[in-house]
C-alpha atoms as a PDB file:
ATOM      1  CA  MET A   1      16.441 -64.153  41.532  1.00  0.00           C
ATOM      2  CA  ARG A   2      19.889 -63.876  43.065  1.00  0.00           C
ATOM      3  CA  MET A   3      23.148 -64.805  41.386  1.00  0.00           C
ATOM      4  CA  THR A   4      23.532 -67.719  43.801  1.00  0.00           C
ATOM      5  CA  ASP A   5      20.167 -69.241  42.849  1.00  0.00           C
ATOM      6  CA  GLY A   6      20.399 -72.155  40.465  1.00  0.00           C
ATOM      7  CA  VAL A   7      18.699 -72.103  37.083  1.00  0.00           C
ATOM      8  CA  ASP A   8      17.466 -74.996  35.033  1.00  0.00           C
ATOM      9  CA  GLY A   9      18.684 -75.777  31.542  1.00  0.00           C
ATOM     10  CA  ASP A  10      15.699 -74.172  29.824  1.00  0.00           C
ATOM     11  CA  GLU A  11      16.195 -70.883  31.664  1.00  0.00           C
ATOM     12  CA  LEU A  12      19.905 -70.934  30.910  1.00  0.00           C
ATOM     13  CA  LEU A  13      19.170 -71.486  27.217  1.00  0.00           C
ATOM     14  CA  ARG A  14      16.680 -68.585  27.221  1.00  0.00           C
ATOM     15  CA  ARG A  15      19.288 -66.311  28.778  1.00  0.00           C
ATOM     16  CA  ILE A  16      21.905 -67.319  26.238  1.00  0.00           C
ATOM     17  CA  GLN A  17      19.440 -66.722  23.398  1.00  0.00           C
ATOM     18  CA  ARG A  18      18.571 -63.260  24.760  1.00  0.00           C
ATOM     19  CA  GLY A  19      22.263 -62.426  24.997  1.00  0.00           C
ATOM     20  CA  ARG A  20      22.853 -63.706  21.483  1.00  0.00           C
ATOM     21  CA  ASP A  21      19.951 -61.667  20.109  1.00  0.00           C
ATOM     22  CA  ARG A  22      21.161 -58.545  21.912  1.00  0.00           C
ATOM     23  CA  ALA A  23      24.698 -59.014  20.580  1.00  0.00           C
ATOM     24  CA  ALA A  24      23.323 -59.342  17.022  1.00  0.00           C
ATOM     25  CA  GLU A  25      21.293 -56.153  17.472  1.00  0.00           C
ATOM     26  CA  GLU A  26      24.290 -54.243  18.835  1.00  0.00           C
ATOM     27  CA  GLN A  27      26.502 -55.550  16.018  1.00  0.00           C
ATOM     28  CA  ARG A  28      24.047 -54.198  13.438  1.00  0.00           C
ATOM     29  CA  LEU A  29      23.798 -50.832  15.216  1.00  0.00           C
ATOM     30  CA  TRP A  30      27.581 -50.390  15.435  1.00  0.00           C
ATOM     31  CA  ALA A  31      28.099 -51.537  11.840  1.00  0.00           C
ATOM     32  CA  ASP A  32      25.507 -49.015  10.638  1.00  0.00           C
ATOM     33  CA  ARG A  33      27.150 -46.315  12.736  1.00  0.00           C
ATOM     34  CA  ALA A  34      30.568 -47.164  11.281  1.00  0.00           C
ATOM     35  CA  GLN A  35      29.189 -46.928   7.765  1.00  0.00           C
ATOM     36  CA  SER A  36      27.514 -43.581   8.403  1.00  0.00           C
ATOM     37  CA  LEU A  37      30.715 -42.139   9.914  1.00  0.00           C
ATOM     38  CA  ALA A  38      33.081 -43.488   7.264  1.00  0.00           C
ATOM     39  CA  ALA A  39      33.132 -40.441   4.984  1.00  0.00           C
ATOM     40  CA  GLY A  40      33.335 -37.662   7.537  1.00  0.00           C
ATOM     41  CA  GLU A  41      34.904 -39.117  10.665  1.00  0.00           C
ATOM     42  CA  PRO A  42      37.224 -41.994   9.772  1.00  0.00           C
ATOM     43  CA  GLU A  43      38.674 -42.416  13.298  1.00  0.00           C
ATOM     44  CA  ARG A  44      35.227 -42.708  14.891  1.00  0.00           C
ATOM     45  CA  ALA A  45      34.196 -45.027  12.042  1.00  0.00           C
ATOM     46  CA  ARG A  46      37.138 -47.348  12.858  1.00  0.00           C
ATOM     47  CA  GLU A  47      36.161 -47.362  16.535  1.00  0.00           C
ATOM     48  CA  ALA A  48      32.551 -48.159  15.656  1.00  0.00           C
ATOM     49  CA  ALA A  49      33.694 -50.939  13.318  1.00  0.00           C
ATOM     50  CA  ALA A  50      35.815 -52.408  16.129  1.00  0.00           C
ATOM     51  CA  SER A  51      32.749 -52.416  18.395  1.00  0.00           C
ATOM     52  CA  ALA A  52      30.736 -54.119  15.655  1.00  0.00           C
ATOM     53  CA  ARG A  53      33.392 -56.845  15.358  1.00  0.00           C
ATOM     54  CA  ALA A  54      33.435 -57.347  19.134  1.00  0.00           C
ATOM     55  CA  TYR A  55      29.668 -57.783  19.248  1.00  0.00           C
ATOM     56  CA  GLU A  56      29.861 -60.136  16.274  1.00  0.00           C
ATOM     57  CA  ALA A  57      32.373 -62.280  18.162  1.00  0.00           C
ATOM     58  CA  VAL A  58      30.054 -62.452  21.168  1.00  0.00           C
ATOM     59  CA  TRP A  59      27.128 -63.310  18.898  1.00  0.00           C
ATOM     60  CA  ARG A  60      29.105 -66.101  17.204  1.00  0.00           C
ATOM     61  CA  VAL A  61      30.145 -67.650  20.520  1.00  0.00           C
ATOM     62  CA  LEU A  62      26.611 -67.592  21.912  1.00  0.00           C
ATOM     63  CA  ASP A  63      25.153 -68.848  18.639  1.00  0.00           C
ATOM     64  CA  GLU A  64      27.622 -71.740  18.668  1.00  0.00           C
ATOM     65  CA  ILE A  65      26.243 -72.725  22.075  1.00  0.00           C
ATOM     66  CA  VAL A  66      22.656 -72.613  20.783  1.00  0.00           C
ATOM     67  CA  ARG A  67      23.351 -74.032  17.294  1.00  0.00           C
ATOM     68  CA  PRO A  68      26.600 -76.053  17.360  1.00  0.00           C
ATOM     69  CA  GLY A  69      28.363 -76.268  14.010  1.00  0.00           C
ATOM     70  CA  ALA A  70      26.097 -73.735  12.299  1.00  0.00           C
ATOM     71  CA  HIS A  71      28.985 -71.457  11.322  1.00  0.00           C
ATOM     72  CA  PRO A  72      32.111 -72.783   9.632  1.00  0.00           C
ATOM     73  CA  VAL A  73      35.428 -71.234  10.651  1.00  0.00           C
ATOM     74  CA  GLU A  74      36.179 -68.493   8.116  1.00  0.00           C
ATOM     75  CA  ALA A  75      39.502 -67.027   9.217  1.00  0.00           C
ATOM     76  CA  GLU A  76      42.630 -67.864   7.263  1.00  0.00           C
ATOM     77  CA  GLY A  77      45.146 -69.954   9.093  1.00  0.00           C
ATOM     78  CA  VAL A  78      42.596 -71.220  11.586  1.00  0.00           C
ATOM     79  CA  ARG A  79      41.966 -74.929  11.599  1.00  0.00           C
ATOM     80  CA  ARG A  80      38.823 -76.387  13.134  1.00  0.00           C
ATOM     81  CA  VAL A  81      39.687 -78.965  15.765  1.00  0.00           C
ATOM     82  CA  THR A  82      37.111 -81.641  16.465  1.00  0.00           C
END
């Protein structure tokens, strides 16, 4: 399949779900890595934690597409606009 080929809604949803699942897996891996590095290599632990947060953000965006409204906004000072 080429990038210019169209995809139907079901295929698009499957791709989004695969991306979401991959982002969740990567988030867990980076979070585990950050935890294991915390005691001995704090700088690398911070970098790993930043990667974990980035993958979590991707996961949340893709999950919102698949399951709208499933996650309430948790950040302080952020107001949900509907």
